[in-house]
Protein backbone atom coordinates (compact mmCIF):
# COMPACT_ATOMS: atom_id res chain seq x y z
CA MET A 1 9.53 5.98 -17.04
CA LYS A 2 6.10 5.76 -15.15
CA LYS A 3 3.51 7.89 -16.70
CA ALA A 4 3.50 9.58 -13.38
CA GLY A 5 5.50 9.04 -9.83
CA TYR A 6 7.79 10.52 -7.72
CA GLU A 7 12.01 9.96 -6.66
CA PHE A 8 13.92 10.81 -4.08
CA ILE A 9 17.16 12.77 -4.91
CA GLU A 10 20.25 12.78 -3.07
CA HIS A 11 20.69 16.09 -0.88
CA THR A 12 23.23 16.70 1.43
CA ALA A 13 21.27 17.81 4.56
CA ASP A 14 17.47 18.13 3.50
CA VAL A 15 15.22 15.79 1.53
CA LYS A 16 14.85 16.43 -2.47
CA VAL A 17 12.27 15.27 -4.67
CA ARG A 18 11.53 15.04 -8.15
CA SER A 19 7.80 14.39 -9.37
CA TRP A 20 6.14 14.15 -12.47
CA GLY A 21 3.20 13.55 -14.16
CA ARG A 22 1.35 13.80 -17.62
CA ASN A 23 -0.05 17.43 -16.44
CA LEU A 24 0.17 19.80 -13.99
CA GLU A 25 -2.47 18.30 -11.94
CA GLU A 26 -0.93 14.74 -11.90
CA ALA A 27 2.82 16.33 -11.20
CA PHE A 28 1.03 17.82 -7.99
CA SER A 29 -0.89 14.90 -6.59
CA GLN A 30 2.76 13.10 -6.92
CA VAL A 31 5.06 16.08 -5.18
CA ALA A 32 2.31 15.58 -2.44
CA LEU A 33 2.65 11.78 -2.24
CA SER A 34 6.07 12.25 -2.07
CA LEU A 35 5.62 14.26 1.14
CA MET A 36 3.21 11.82 2.69
CA ALA A 37 5.93 9.24 1.96
CA THR A 38 8.74 11.37 3.54
CA ILE A 39 6.69 11.68 6.93
CA SER A 40 5.39 7.62 6.82
CA PRO A 41 7.38 5.69 4.09
CA ASN A 42 4.81 2.78 3.30
CA LEU A 43 1.74 4.35 1.76
CA ASP A 44 0.31 1.04 1.48
CA LYS A 45 -0.43 0.59 5.19
CA ILE A 46 -2.67 4.07 5.14
CA LYS A 47 -6.32 3.00 4.91
CA HIS A 48 -9.08 5.61 3.09
CA LYS A 49 -11.22 6.25 6.40
CA VAL A 50 -11.07 9.71 5.93
CA SER A 51 -11.89 12.25 2.86
CA LYS A 52 -10.75 16.08 2.76
CA GLU A 53 -11.10 18.40 0.06
CA LEU A 54 -8.46 20.98 -0.15
CA LYS A 55 -9.17 23.99 -1.67
CA ILE A 56 -5.52 26.68 -2.54
CA GLU A 57 -4.96 30.05 -4.21
CA SER A 58 -1.94 31.27 -4.76
CA GLU A 59 -0.43 33.81 -7.10
CA ASP A 60 1.98 31.92 -9.16
CA LYS A 61 2.46 27.76 -9.49
CA TYR A 62 5.66 27.91 -7.35
CA ALA A 63 3.87 29.54 -4.64
CA LEU A 64 0.92 27.20 -5.58
CA ALA A 65 3.08 24.19 -4.80
CA ILE A 66 4.29 25.57 -1.58
CA ASP A 67 0.90 26.38 -0.25
CA PHE A 68 -0.72 23.08 -1.01
CA LEU A 69 2.23 21.25 0.26
CA THR A 70 2.37 23.27 3.85
CA GLU A 71 -1.51 22.52 3.83
CA PHE A 72 -0.33 18.87 4.12
CA LEU A 73 1.92 19.37 6.90
CA TYR A 74 -0.48 21.81 8.85
CA ILE A 75 -3.39 19.06 8.65
CA PHE A 76 -0.57 16.63 10.00
CA ASP A 77 0.41 18.65 12.81
CA VAL A 78 -2.69 19.52 13.53
CA GLU A 79 -5.20 16.57 13.09
CA GLY A 80 -2.66 13.68 12.61
CA LEU A 81 -3.81 12.90 8.98
CA LEU A 82 -1.82 10.91 6.58
CA PHE A 83 -3.12 10.78 3.02
CA SER A 84 -2.28 7.63 0.40
CA GLU A 85 -4.52 8.52 -2.26
CA ILE A 86 -4.11 12.22 -3.24
CA GLU A 87 -5.76 13.37 -6.46
CA VAL A 88 -5.55 17.10 -7.82
CA GLN A 89 -8.62 17.64 -9.60
CA SER A 90 -8.02 21.11 -11.47
CA ILE A 91 -5.37 23.85 -11.11
CA ILE A 92 -6.45 26.90 -13.14
CA LEU A 93 -5.44 30.28 -13.61
CA LYS A 94 -8.21 33.10 -13.24
CA ASP A 95 -7.95 36.85 -12.82
CA ASN A 96 -4.01 36.79 -12.20
CA SER A 97 -4.52 33.70 -9.57
CA TYR A 98 -3.77 29.84 -9.62
CA TYR A 99 -6.67 28.02 -8.00
CA LEU A 100 -6.28 24.27 -7.10
CA LYS A 101 -8.68 21.47 -6.22
CA ALA A 102 -7.80 18.52 -4.61
CA LEU A 103 -9.03 15.38 -2.76
CA ALA A 104 -7.36 13.47 -0.09
CA LYS A 105 -7.78 9.99 1.47
CA GLY A 106 -6.25 8.77 4.47
CA GLU A 107 -6.49 8.20 8.11
CA LYS A 108 -4.93 9.45 11.42
CA PHE A 109 -1.26 8.54 11.97
CA ASN A 110 -0.75 5.75 14.54
CA LYS A 111 2.76 5.14 15.26
CA GLN A 112 2.05 1.35 16.13
CA TYR A 113 0.71 0.85 13.03
CA HIS A 114 2.52 3.24 10.52
CA GLU A 115 5.83 3.37 9.69
CA ILE A 116 7.79 6.74 11.39
CA GLY A 117 9.64 8.58 8.43
CA ILE A 118 11.41 11.67 8.75
CA GLU A 119 9.71 15.05 10.35
CA VAL A 120 9.21 17.78 7.47
CA LYS A 121 9.74 20.99 9.18
CA ALA A 122 8.89 23.31 6.06
CA ILE A 123 8.53 23.53 2.38
CA THR A 124 11.27 25.67 0.41
CA TYR A 125 11.83 27.34 -2.71
CA SER A 126 15.51 26.41 -2.58
CA PHE A 127 16.09 24.16 -5.86
CA MET A 128 12.52 24.37 -6.94
CA ASN A 129 11.64 23.89 -10.42
CA ILE A 130 8.42 23.38 -12.32
CA GLU A 131 9.16 21.98 -16.19
CA GLU A 132 6.18 22.00 -18.16
CA LYS A 133 6.72 20.21 -21.64
CA LYS A 134 3.84 19.09 -24.28
CA ASP A 135 3.12 15.62 -22.42
CA ARG A 136 5.18 15.70 -19.23
CA VAL A 137 5.42 18.09 -16.15
CA GLN A 138 7.99 17.78 -13.59
CA ILE A 139 8.71 19.29 -10.26
CA ASP A 140 11.58 19.25 -8.23
CA ILE A 141 11.39 20.54 -4.68
CA VAL A 142 13.45 20.46 -1.29
CA PHE A 143 11.52 19.52 1.86
CA ASP A 144 13.43 21.11 5.09
CA ILE A 145 13.96 18.22 7.67
């Protein structure tokens, strides 16, 4: 199995994704890319014209994942931006809060050029799981469509 990646898992009504990486940062990066691939399936068509820094603070890892992904939905809805490169640079626990810092590169969605995927309404806690092992972190999550 690849060191980092994601796969779509069959789900009755929504989109279920399993993402993984060697650490929490890689797994979070992959789950964000899976969200982008749900919205526009061919990430190779998304050029790196715009960079966006994201900073998220949440009370636990689960809320951090939800808040992180919800921020991407917000950016897509408000600014029309899609990203094909997402690097979570750090996730730290400080004073009982988790802090995430990421850099995303992409461009404005163009329906004449980019593939149209599935509209994601929200990120859900249902079936969500973050499993951390010594050299692998796996995140299971469902996107409400």
